[in-house]
Every structure is written in structure tokens, then in C-alpha cells.
N, C-alpha and C. Protein backbone atom coordinates (compact mmCIF):
# COMPACT_ATOMS: atom_id res chain seq x y z
N UNK A 1 70.34 91.60 0.32
CA UNK A 1 69.42 90.09 -0.39
C UNK A 1 67.64 90.30 -0.27
N UNK A 2 67.06 90.83 -1.22
CA UNK A 2 65.57 90.07 -1.58
C UNK A 2 65.42 88.90 -0.88
N UNK A 3 64.36 89.26 0.04
CA UNK A 3 63.36 88.16 0.36
C UNK A 3 63.18 87.17 -0.21
N UNK A 4 62.41 87.50 -1.40
CA UNK A 4 62.09 87.09 -2.80
C UNK A 4 63.06 85.93 -3.25
N UNK A 5 64.29 86.15 -3.06
CA UNK A 5 65.07 84.84 -3.58
C UNK A 5 65.12 83.83 -3.20
N UNK A 6 65.25 83.33 -2.14
CA UNK A 6 65.51 82.46 -1.44
C UNK A 6 64.07 81.74 -1.81
N UNK A 7 62.87 82.52 -1.35
CA UNK A 7 61.36 81.71 -2.35
C UNK A 7 61.53 80.82 -4.15
N UNK A 8 62.02 82.23 -4.77
CA UNK A 8 62.47 81.89 -5.77
C UNK A 8 63.37 80.61 -5.98
N UNK A 9 64.53 80.59 -5.55
CA UNK A 9 65.29 79.31 -5.67
C UNK A 9 64.41 78.05 -4.88
N UNK A 10 63.59 78.64 -4.15
CA UNK A 10 63.13 77.14 -3.79
C UNK A 10 62.25 76.80 -4.90
N UNK A 11 61.35 77.65 -5.65
CA UNK A 11 60.40 77.29 -6.79
C UNK A 11 61.31 76.34 -7.92
N UNK A 12 62.33 77.44 -7.83
CA UNK A 12 63.57 76.37 -9.31
C UNK A 12 63.62 74.65 -8.84
N UNK A 13 63.98 74.75 -7.65
CA UNK A 13 64.21 73.31 -7.00
C UNK A 13 62.95 72.51 -7.65
N UNK A 14 61.97 73.16 -7.15
CA UNK A 14 61.07 72.39 -6.68
C UNK A 14 60.37 71.98 -8.40
N UNK A 15 60.71 72.95 -9.26
CA UNK A 15 60.43 72.45 -10.86
C UNK A 15 61.41 71.57 -10.79
N UNK A 16 62.97 71.24 -10.89
CA UNK A 16 64.07 71.16 -11.45
C UNK A 16 63.79 69.37 -10.76
N UNK A 17 63.07 69.03 -9.16
CA UNK A 17 62.79 68.13 -8.52
C UNK A 17 61.47 67.55 -8.81
N UNK A 18 60.79 67.95 -9.19
CA UNK A 18 59.65 67.53 -10.02
C UNK A 18 59.82 66.91 -11.13
N UNK A 19 60.54 67.42 -12.12
CA UNK A 19 60.56 66.95 -13.45
C UNK A 19 61.04 65.52 -13.23
N UNK A 20 62.78 66.12 -12.71
CA UNK A 20 63.30 64.70 -12.76
C UNK A 20 62.99 63.43 -11.68
N UNK A 21 61.64 63.64 -10.95
CA UNK A 21 60.69 62.79 -10.54
C UNK A 21 59.90 62.22 -12.03
N UNK A 22 59.03 63.38 -12.68
CA UNK A 22 58.75 62.41 -13.64
C UNK A 22 59.35 61.65 -14.70
N UNK A 23 60.33 61.89 -15.01
CA UNK A 23 61.38 61.24 -15.80
C UNK A 23 62.11 59.97 -15.49
N UNK A 24 62.04 59.72 -14.66
CA UNK A 24 62.36 58.54 -13.42
C UNK A 24 61.36 57.06 -13.89
N UNK A 25 61.50 55.96 -14.12
CA UNK A 25 61.23 54.89 -14.74
C UNK A 25 61.89 53.65 -14.56
N UNK A 26 60.66 53.04 -12.98
CA UNK A 26 61.04 51.89 -11.72
C UNK A 26 61.71 51.28 -12.86
N UNK A 27 61.58 50.65 -14.11
CA UNK A 27 62.64 49.61 -14.24
C UNK A 27 63.59 50.30 -14.81
N UNK A 28 63.94 51.66 -14.99
CA UNK A 28 65.42 52.10 -14.76
C UNK A 28 66.09 51.66 -14.13
N UNK A 29 65.47 52.49 -12.60
CA UNK A 29 65.91 51.70 -11.51
C UNK A 29 66.13 50.81 -11.35
N UNK A 30 65.77 49.76 -11.36
CA UNK A 30 65.60 48.10 -11.03
C UNK A 30 66.69 47.75 -12.08
N UNK A 31 67.32 48.38 -12.92
CA UNK A 31 68.03 47.71 -13.70
C UNK A 31 69.16 48.42 -13.25
N UNK A 32 69.51 49.87 -13.10
CA UNK A 32 70.53 50.25 -12.52
C UNK A 32 71.21 49.14 -11.29
N UNK A 33 70.40 48.97 -10.45
CA UNK A 33 70.55 48.53 -9.15
C UNK A 33 70.97 47.09 -9.45
N UNK A 34 70.19 46.59 -10.51
CA UNK A 34 70.85 45.10 -10.76
C UNK A 34 72.25 45.02 -11.29
N UNK A 35 72.91 45.67 -12.15
CA UNK A 35 73.56 45.59 -13.24
C UNK A 35 75.19 46.34 -11.53
N UNK A 36 74.19 47.51 -10.79
CA UNK A 36 75.81 47.28 -9.61
C UNK A 36 75.24 46.24 -8.87
N UNK A 37 74.50 45.47 -8.50
CA UNK A 37 74.59 44.15 -7.68
C UNK A 37 75.70 43.11 -8.92
N UNK A 38 75.58 43.09 -10.08
CA UNK A 38 76.14 42.03 -10.38
C UNK A 38 77.67 42.26 -10.72
N UNK A 39 77.90 43.79 -10.98
CA UNK A 39 79.27 44.16 -11.08
C UNK A 39 80.48 43.87 -10.31
N UNK A 40 81.41 43.28 -10.69
CA UNK A 40 82.59 42.86 -9.82
C UNK A 40 83.48 43.80 -10.04
N UNK A 41 83.27 45.33 -10.42
CA UNK A 41 83.96 46.32 -10.52
C UNK A 41 83.13 47.59 -10.91
N UNK A 42 82.73 48.70 -10.52
CA UNK A 42 82.71 49.64 -10.62
C UNK A 42 83.35 51.05 -11.11
N UNK A 43 83.09 51.71 -12.33
CA UNK A 43 84.17 53.15 -11.98
C UNK A 43 83.53 54.40 -12.46
N UNK A 44 83.38 55.43 -12.25
CA UNK A 44 82.63 56.00 -11.84
C UNK A 44 83.16 57.14 -13.18
N UNK A 45 82.56 57.98 -13.32
CA UNK A 45 83.42 58.83 -14.35
C UNK A 45 82.81 60.40 -14.69
N UNK A 46 82.99 61.66 -15.03
CA UNK A 46 82.36 62.61 -15.16
C UNK A 46 83.89 63.37 -14.70
N UNK A 47 83.34 64.91 -16.17
CA UNK A 47 84.42 65.86 -15.35
C UNK A 47 83.73 67.13 -15.14
N UNK A 48 84.40 67.58 -14.28
CA UNK A 48 83.85 69.33 -14.46
C UNK A 48 82.63 69.24 -12.66
N UNK A 49 81.59 70.33 -12.89
CA UNK A 49 80.32 69.36 -11.40
C UNK A 49 80.21 67.90 -11.41
N UNK A 50 80.18 67.86 -13.73
CA UNK A 50 79.69 65.82 -12.79
C UNK A 50 80.63 65.78 -12.32
N UNK A 51 81.77 65.70 -12.26
CA UNK A 51 83.31 64.73 -11.47
C UNK A 51 82.67 65.45 -9.79
N UNK A 52 82.02 66.44 -10.01
CA UNK A 52 81.77 66.37 -8.23
C UNK A 52 80.63 65.57 -8.18
N UNK A 53 80.31 65.57 -8.79
CA UNK A 53 78.46 63.93 -8.71
C UNK A 53 78.89 62.57 -8.50
N UNK A 54 79.83 62.69 -9.51
CA UNK A 54 80.85 61.34 -9.81
C UNK A 54 81.68 60.82 -8.34
N UNK A 55 82.03 61.82 -7.65
CA UNK A 55 82.73 61.58 -6.58
C UNK A 55 81.82 61.58 -5.36
N UNK A 56 81.02 61.71 -5.46
CA UNK A 56 79.69 62.37 -5.15
C UNK A 56 78.83 60.45 -4.50
N UNK A 57 79.10 60.24 -5.66
CA UNK A 57 78.02 58.59 -5.81
C UNK A 57 79.18 57.86 -5.90
N UNK A 58 80.63 57.26 -5.65
CA UNK A 58 81.34 56.88 -5.15
C UNK A 58 81.98 56.57 -3.76
N UNK A 59 81.80 57.79 -3.28
CA UNK A 59 81.45 57.81 -1.48
C UNK A 59 80.10 57.00 -0.87
N UNK A 60 78.77 57.36 -1.18
CA UNK A 60 78.20 56.87 -1.38
C UNK A 60 78.42 55.06 -1.27
N UNK A 61 78.56 54.65 -2.73
CA UNK A 61 78.70 53.97 -3.00
C UNK A 61 79.72 52.61 -2.11
N UNK A 62 80.76 53.54 -2.26
CA UNK A 62 82.17 52.52 -0.79
C UNK A 62 81.64 52.75 0.40
N UNK A 63 80.38 53.22 0.97
CA UNK A 63 80.14 52.91 2.09
C UNK A 63 79.47 52.26 2.20
N UNK A 64 78.46 51.50 1.18
CA UNK A 64 78.06 50.78 1.21
C UNK A 64 78.39 48.86 1.29
N UNK A 65 80.19 49.44 0.69
CA UNK A 65 80.78 48.00 0.58
C UNK A 65 81.19 47.32 -0.75
N UNK A 66 80.66 48.45 -1.68
CA UNK A 66 80.76 48.26 -2.93
C UNK A 66 82.04 48.29 -3.44
N UNK A 67 83.23 47.93 -4.81
CA UNK A 67 84.20 48.14 -5.10
C UNK A 67 83.88 49.46 -5.69
N UNK A 68 84.33 50.30 -5.90
CA UNK A 68 84.63 51.16 -6.34
C UNK A 68 85.52 52.61 -7.11
N UNK A 69 85.75 53.20 -7.80
CA UNK A 69 86.54 53.87 -8.17
C UNK A 69 86.10 54.94 -8.90
N UNK A 70 86.73 56.55 -9.14
CA UNK A 70 86.06 57.67 -9.70
C UNK A 70 87.37 57.98 -10.32
N UNK A 71 87.11 58.45 -11.59
CA UNK A 71 87.88 59.24 -12.34
C UNK A 71 86.86 60.78 -12.81
N UNK A 72 88.10 61.56 -12.92
CA UNK A 72 87.52 63.23 -13.32
C UNK A 72 88.29 63.21 -14.07
N UNK A 73 89.82 62.77 -14.49
CA UNK A 73 90.79 63.39 -15.60
C UNK A 73 91.04 62.42 -17.18
N UNK A 74 90.99 63.40 -17.87
CA UNK A 74 90.15 62.73 -19.08
C UNK A 74 91.27 61.68 -19.29
N UNK A 75 92.29 61.86 -18.88
CA UNK A 75 93.67 60.52 -19.25
C UNK A 75 93.50 59.31 -18.86
N UNK A 76 93.14 59.32 -17.23
CA UNK A 76 93.17 58.83 -16.37
C UNK A 76 91.88 57.73 -17.13
N UNK A 77 90.84 58.45 -17.23
CA UNK A 77 89.61 58.05 -17.55
C UNK A 77 89.47 57.24 -18.62
N UNK A 78 90.55 57.15 -19.52
CA UNK A 78 90.89 56.51 -20.61
C UNK A 78 91.48 55.05 -20.54
N UNK A 79 92.65 55.61 -19.48
CA UNK A 79 93.51 54.24 -18.94
C UNK A 79 92.31 53.20 -18.83
N UNK A 80 91.81 53.84 -17.17
CA UNK A 80 91.45 52.83 -16.48
C UNK A 80 89.77 52.45 -17.00
N UNK A 81 88.88 52.66 -18.42
CA UNK A 81 88.08 52.01 -19.16
C UNK A 81 88.39 50.81 -19.72
N UNK A 82 90.09 50.96 -20.44
CA UNK A 82 90.15 50.24 -21.26
C UNK A 82 91.40 49.40 -20.12
N UNK A 83 90.67 49.08 -19.03
CA UNK A 83 91.20 47.53 -18.58
C UNK A 83 89.95 47.19 -17.45
N UNK A 84 88.60 48.51 -18.06
CA UNK A 84 87.65 46.85 -17.43
C UNK A 84 87.22 45.73 -18.10
N UNK A 85 86.33 44.99 -17.96
CA UNK A 85 85.96 43.93 -18.16
C UNK A 85 84.56 43.64 -18.29
N UNK A 86 84.14 42.78 -18.62
CA UNK A 86 82.86 41.94 -19.12
C UNK A 86 82.67 41.89 -17.36
N UNK A 87 81.30 41.86 -16.94
CA UNK A 87 80.65 42.29 -15.34
C UNK A 87 81.43 43.39 -14.62
N UNK A 88 81.83 44.18 -15.64
CA UNK A 88 82.54 45.59 -14.55
C UNK A 88 81.54 46.81 -15.63
N UNK A 89 81.52 47.78 -14.83
CA UNK A 89 80.51 48.87 -14.56
C UNK A 89 80.62 50.05 -14.87
N UNK A 90 80.66 50.44 -16.24
CA UNK A 90 81.22 51.90 -16.50
C UNK A 90 80.14 52.52 -15.87
N UNK A 91 79.13 53.39 -15.20
CA UNK A 91 78.51 54.80 -14.84
C UNK A 91 79.36 55.85 -15.59
N UNK A 92 78.71 56.76 -16.38
CA UNK A 92 79.26 58.16 -16.82
C UNK A 92 78.00 59.44 -16.49
N UNK A 93 78.74 60.11 -15.25
CA UNK A 93 77.73 60.86 -15.50
C UNK A 93 78.02 62.26 -16.43
N UNK A 94 76.97 62.81 -17.27
CA UNK A 94 77.48 64.25 -17.69
C UNK A 94 76.47 65.09 -18.11
N UNK A 95 76.19 65.95 -17.78
CA UNK A 95 74.83 67.01 -18.08
C UNK A 95 74.50 67.48 -19.51
N UNK A 96 75.16 67.16 -20.39
CA UNK A 96 74.89 67.47 -21.88
C UNK A 96 75.37 65.78 -22.48
N UNK A 97 75.58 65.36 -21.80
CA UNK A 97 76.71 64.43 -22.77
C UNK A 97 77.15 63.97 -23.84
N UNK A 98 77.85 65.48 -24.05
CA UNK A 98 78.63 65.76 -24.99
C UNK A 98 80.64 66.17 -24.84
N UNK A 99 80.97 65.61 -23.43
CA UNK A 99 82.12 65.55 -22.64
C UNK A 99 83.19 64.63 -23.52
N UNK A 100 83.75 65.15 -24.52
CA UNK A 100 84.12 63.91 -25.31
C UNK A 100 85.09 62.95 -24.27
N UNK A 101 85.91 63.32 -23.09
CA UNK A 101 86.30 62.55 -22.59
C UNK A 101 85.89 61.38 -21.97
N UNK A 102 84.47 61.76 -21.53
CA UNK A 102 83.50 60.94 -21.17
C UNK A 102 83.25 59.68 -22.01
N UNK A 103 82.81 61.04 -23.00
CA UNK A 103 82.01 59.49 -24.46
C UNK A 103 83.27 58.24 -24.49
N UNK A 104 84.98 59.10 -25.08
CA UNK A 104 85.80 58.22 -25.23
C UNK A 104 86.14 57.09 -24.10
N UNK A 105 85.63 57.24 -23.26
CA UNK A 105 85.85 56.26 -21.90
C UNK A 105 85.31 55.34 -21.80
N UNK A 106 83.96 55.73 -22.84
CA UNK A 106 82.54 55.17 -22.71
C UNK A 106 82.70 53.73 -23.33
N UNK A 107 83.39 54.61 -24.90
CA UNK A 107 83.32 54.08 -25.83
C UNK A 107 84.47 52.70 -25.77
N UNK A 108 85.37 53.14 -24.96
CA UNK A 108 86.62 52.28 -24.75
C UNK A 108 86.03 50.86 -23.62
N UNK A 109 85.29 51.53 -22.68
CA UNK A 109 84.66 50.41 -22.10
C UNK A 109 83.33 49.57 -22.67
N UNK A 110 82.90 49.96 -23.55
CA UNK A 110 81.75 49.11 -24.39
C UNK A 110 82.79 48.08 -24.97
N UNK A 111 84.55 48.39 -25.74
CA UNK A 111 84.58 47.75 -26.44
C UNK A 111 85.51 46.30 -25.47
N UNK A 112 85.59 47.44 -24.21
CA UNK A 112 86.21 46.02 -23.01
C UNK A 112 84.85 44.84 -22.50
N UNK A 113 84.02 45.19 -23.32
CA UNK A 113 82.64 44.31 -22.11
C UNK A 113 82.32 44.69 -21.09
N UNK A 114 82.62 45.64 -21.08
CA UNK A 114 81.93 46.52 -19.84
C UNK A 114 80.70 46.57 -20.02
N UNK A 115 79.79 46.61 -19.16
CA UNK A 115 78.23 47.64 -19.03
C UNK A 115 78.25 49.20 -18.82
N UNK A 116 77.93 49.65 -19.38
CA UNK A 116 77.77 51.68 -19.04
C UNK A 116 76.90 51.92 -18.98
N UNK A 117 76.61 52.72 -18.50
CA UNK A 117 75.48 52.85 -17.64
C UNK A 117 75.48 54.77 -17.51
N UNK A 118 74.41 55.74 -18.56
CA UNK A 118 74.80 57.32 -17.80
C UNK A 118 73.86 57.73 -17.12
N UNK A 119 74.35 58.69 -16.16
CA UNK A 119 72.92 59.82 -15.98
C UNK A 119 72.73 60.85 -16.81
N UNK A 120 72.66 61.62 -17.24
CA UNK A 120 72.27 62.91 -17.77
C UNK A 120 70.68 63.45 -17.93
N UNK A 121 71.25 64.75 -18.47
CA UNK A 121 69.59 65.53 -18.66
C UNK A 121 69.59 65.89 -20.58
N UNK A 122 70.54 65.48 -20.64
CA UNK A 122 69.97 65.31 -22.50
C UNK A 122 69.55 63.96 -23.04
N UNK A 123 68.68 63.63 -24.26
CA UNK A 123 68.66 62.45 -24.73
C UNK A 123 69.36 62.51 -26.33
N UNK A 124 69.01 61.63 -26.97
CA UNK A 124 70.53 61.71 -28.56
C UNK A 124 71.65 62.32 -28.43
N UNK A 125 72.16 61.67 -28.06
CA UNK A 125 73.68 62.54 -27.50
C UNK A 125 74.58 61.17 -28.41
N UNK A 126 76.45 61.39 -28.24
CA UNK A 126 76.92 60.92 -28.27
C UNK A 126 77.21 59.75 -27.48
N UNK A 127 76.32 60.09 -25.68
CA UNK A 127 76.86 59.14 -24.96
C UNK A 127 75.69 58.25 -24.75
N UNK A 128 74.41 59.38 -24.83
CA UNK A 128 73.54 58.09 -24.54
C UNK A 128 73.18 56.90 -25.90
N UNK A 129 73.76 57.38 -26.65
CA UNK A 129 74.02 56.46 -27.99
C UNK A 129 74.79 55.02 -27.59
N UNK A 130 76.08 54.98 -27.40
CA UNK A 130 76.91 54.46 -26.73
C UNK A 130 76.02 53.90 -25.54
N UNK A 131 75.20 54.18 -24.46
CA UNK A 131 75.04 53.39 -23.27
C UNK A 131 73.98 52.31 -23.76
N UNK A 132 73.96 51.37 -22.41
CA UNK A 132 73.26 50.30 -22.24
C UNK A 132 71.57 51.13 -21.79
N UNK A 133 72.28 52.06 -20.38
CA UNK A 133 71.22 52.45 -19.51
C UNK A 133 71.53 53.63 -18.98
N UNK A 134 70.17 54.45 -19.79
CA UNK A 134 69.62 56.08 -19.27
C UNK A 134 69.51 56.01 -18.37
N UNK A 135 70.04 57.00 -17.02
CA UNK A 135 68.44 57.91 -16.41
C UNK A 135 68.73 58.76 -16.51
N UNK A 136 67.23 59.33 -16.75
CA UNK A 136 67.58 60.78 -16.99
C UNK A 136 67.36 61.69 -16.18
N UNK A 137 67.98 63.31 -16.13
CA UNK A 137 67.96 63.79 -14.95
C UNK A 137 67.28 65.20 -15.65
N UNK A 138 66.48 66.11 -14.62
CA UNK A 138 65.79 67.28 -15.56
C UNK A 138 67.06 68.24 -16.18
N UNK A 139 67.01 69.16 -16.53
CA UNK A 139 67.94 70.77 -17.33
C UNK A 139 67.89 71.21 -16.79
N UNK A 140 68.38 72.20 -16.51
CA UNK A 140 68.24 73.93 -15.78
C UNK A 140 67.37 74.44 -16.72
N UNK A 141 68.23 73.90 -18.29
CA UNK A 141 67.47 75.04 -19.23
C UNK A 141 66.10 75.17 -18.86
N UNK A 142 65.28 74.57 -18.36
CA UNK A 142 63.84 74.31 -18.42
C UNK A 142 63.32 75.76 -17.22
N UNK A 143 64.65 76.25 -17.16
CA UNK A 143 64.49 77.27 -15.84
C UNK A 143 65.06 79.40 -16.69
N UNK A 144 64.34 79.70 -16.96
CA UNK A 144 64.69 80.74 -18.51
C UNK A 144 65.17 81.90 -17.48
N UNK A 145 66.65 81.36 -16.44
CA UNK A 145 67.51 82.36 -15.34
C UNK A 145 68.69 82.16 -15.29
N UNK A 146 68.84 83.33 -16.03
CA UNK A 146 70.74 83.01 -16.21
C UNK A 146 71.79 83.14 -14.87
N UNK A 147 70.44 83.71 -13.77
CA UNK A 147 71.86 83.72 -12.56
C UNK A 147 71.85 82.34 -12.02
N UNK A 148 70.85 81.76 -11.84
CA UNK A 148 70.79 80.08 -11.48
C UNK A 148 71.18 79.50 -12.69
N UNK A 149 72.78 78.98 -11.76
CA UNK A 149 73.73 78.22 -11.96
C UNK A 149 73.66 76.73 -11.59
N UNK A 150 72.74 76.26 -11.39
CA UNK A 150 72.70 74.77 -10.21
C UNK A 150 72.54 73.47 -11.61
N UNK A 151 73.64 73.00 -11.99
CA UNK A 151 73.26 71.45 -13.08
C UNK A 151 73.17 70.65 -12.37
N UNK A 152 73.75 70.15 -10.90
CA UNK A 152 74.09 69.34 -10.19
C UNK A 152 72.43 68.65 -9.48
N UNK A 153 71.59 69.39 -9.09
CA UNK A 153 70.64 69.33 -8.32
C UNK A 153 69.53 67.91 -8.69
N UNK A 154 69.16 68.18 -10.09
CA UNK A 154 68.71 66.54 -10.41
C UNK A 154 68.83 65.17 -10.20
N UNK A 155 70.34 65.59 -10.87
CA UNK A 155 71.50 64.53 -10.78
C UNK A 155 71.57 63.84 -9.61
N UNK A 156 71.81 64.75 -8.40
CA UNK A 156 71.74 64.14 -7.10
C UNK A 156 70.14 63.39 -6.53
N UNK A 157 69.12 64.22 -7.29
CA UNK A 157 68.25 63.21 -6.66
C UNK A 157 67.64 61.88 -7.38
N UNK A 158 68.22 61.93 -8.67
CA UNK A 158 68.43 60.58 -9.42
C UNK A 158 69.58 60.07 -8.06
N UNK A 159 70.47 60.50 -7.83
CA UNK A 159 71.27 59.62 -6.74
C UNK A 159 70.73 59.01 -5.55
N UNK A 160 69.90 60.01 -5.00
CA UNK A 160 69.19 59.79 -4.05
C UNK A 160 68.60 58.92 -3.98
N UNK A 161 67.72 58.79 -4.89
CA UNK A 161 66.94 57.55 -5.74
C UNK A 161 67.33 56.05 -5.59
N UNK A 162 68.72 56.21 -6.42
CA UNK A 162 69.40 54.85 -6.56
C UNK A 162 69.86 54.26 -4.99
N UNK A 163 70.58 55.07 -4.49
CA UNK A 163 71.02 54.87 -3.38
C UNK A 163 69.72 54.91 -2.26
N UNK A 164 68.76 55.42 -2.40
CA UNK A 164 67.56 54.78 -1.43
C UNK A 164 67.36 52.83 -1.62
N UNK A 165 66.94 53.18 -3.29
CA UNK A 165 66.32 51.53 -3.71
C UNK A 165 67.54 50.23 -3.31
N UNK A 166 68.77 51.17 -3.29
CA UNK A 166 70.40 49.78 -3.00
C UNK A 166 70.44 50.17 -1.44
N UNK A 167 70.10 50.88 -1.00
CA UNK A 167 69.75 50.78 1.01
C UNK A 167 68.57 49.22 1.47
N UNK A 168 68.18 48.97 0.51
CA UNK A 168 67.27 48.19 0.72
C UNK A 168 67.81 46.76 0.81
N UNK A 169 68.83 46.81 0.12
CA UNK A 169 69.35 45.75 0.41
C UNK A 169 70.17 45.51 1.66
N UNK A 170 69.83 44.31 2.62
CA UNK A 170 70.49 44.31 4.26
C UNK A 170 71.62 44.51 3.83
N UNK A 171 72.88 43.44 3.69
CA UNK A 171 74.17 43.89 2.97
C UNK A 171 75.07 45.33 3.11
N UNK A 172 73.72 45.75 2.20
CA UNK A 172 74.73 47.51 2.03
C UNK A 172 74.33 48.68 3.21
N UNK A 173 72.84 48.25 3.50
CA UNK A 173 72.74 48.60 4.57
C UNK A 173 73.63 48.76 6.13
N UNK A 174 73.80 47.30 6.43
CA UNK A 174 74.81 47.45 7.23
C UNK A 174 76.31 47.36 6.84
N UNK A 175 76.35 47.77 6.11
CA UNK A 175 78.27 48.17 5.37
C UNK A 175 77.95 49.36 5.89
N UNK A 176 76.75 50.42 4.99
CA UNK A 176 77.16 51.37 5.55
C UNK A 176 76.91 51.96 7.24
N UNK A 177 76.01 50.84 8.42
CA UNK A 177 75.91 51.29 9.07
C UNK A 177 77.24 51.10 10.03
N UNK A 178 78.39 50.34 10.25
CA UNK A 178 79.41 50.19 9.65
C UNK A 178 80.40 51.43 10.12
N UNK A 179 80.17 52.31 8.63
CA UNK A 179 80.99 52.97 8.58
C UNK A 179 80.10 54.01 8.63
N UNK A 180 79.09 54.46 9.84
CA UNK A 180 78.38 54.86 10.34
C UNK A 180 79.59 55.03 11.42
N UNK A 181 79.04 54.39 12.29
CA UNK A 181 79.59 53.76 13.30
C UNK A 181 81.33 53.95 13.36
N UNK A 182 81.92 53.50 12.04
CA UNK A 182 83.62 53.73 12.57
C UNK A 182 84.22 55.22 12.72
N UNK A 183 83.23 55.82 11.95
CA UNK A 183 83.16 57.33 12.46
C UNK A 183 83.17 57.93 13.92
N UNK A 184 81.98 57.15 13.91
CA UNK A 184 81.54 57.51 15.15
C UNK A 184 82.20 57.32 16.20
N UNK A 185 83.40 56.90 16.11
CA UNK A 185 84.90 56.63 17.22
C UNK A 185 85.73 57.15 17.36
N UNK A 186 85.45 58.01 16.65
CA UNK A 186 86.60 59.47 16.21
C UNK A 186 86.25 60.70 16.78
């Protein structure tokens, strides 16, 4: 492996994180955190790599004591979305905002009067048009190197910011400490 590859990848990561950081608006994070606080139930959805990020967010929120489920199967997305109600929150994660199953699930969630928040790196998509609120991550398309395939780093940056702010809540922070303690017992 050439020595310059780690330096090149680190440079790409820096570009993506800086770009994602510039896209974050404080009010959007505040609104997202408030929606999480007010929700009775949270359903997170995503397909493929975005589904993996959705699972990561679920695990983080569950450790804070929140009632959360994640769905990555397109059929289950539709069934779970139709069971959402007012004061429930659907969080959709989609790189490009074009995944039809996610769009359909969010459309159904809106019809059921749930709040829909989206994390994506594309604006003016069918998914962003449905959303009550959107957090934008930066897309890897800004890096002209077809060997660089990481599409989730900017989304995980957004998740880190969101969770950091959520953990300012003492109850969430205490719940997280309890789960860490429980894992240390084994």
C-alpha cells in the first residue's frame, strides 16, 4: 500500500466533515432534538448503507432510554409507517433521497400525522419534499475519486452532533451511563 493512501483518505474525510459542518444549522438540530423529546415512539428507516446508519442511530437512542425501532426492509417500512400516530417520529436516512421504499414509508407516516425528519445529502428530492425537517450531510460526490466509496461518514457526523446535543439532557445521559454499567457487569 502506498504511504500516500492514508493521507489521501484522511484528506477526503476532512473535506466531508468540514462540508457537513458548514451545512448544519443550529435551529435544525434544536428542532430535531425537540421532536425526539416530544415523540412517543421513534421509527428510523433506511435501506442499504443508509440502513446501517439507521441501525447505528437506533442503538444510540435506545441507550439513552428512548423508545425506538429501526426498519430496513421495504415491506416492513410500509407496515410500521401505517401504525405511526400523531406525536410519533419517523426519521429517514437516505444518501440521495430517491429510495422509493423510504419515500413511500414517509408519505404514509405523514398521512398518519407522524412527524417526518430526514437526514440526507441531497436537496429538492421527493424525500426532502415530504419532510417536516431536513438535516443535510455532504455528499461524497464532491470528491472526484471513484475509488473512494464511503457514503456514510457525513451522515455519522450528523448523528454524532445530534447525539452529543441529546446527551445534554440529564435523563438521557444517566440512561446511557446505566447501559454502559450494565455491559461492564459481564
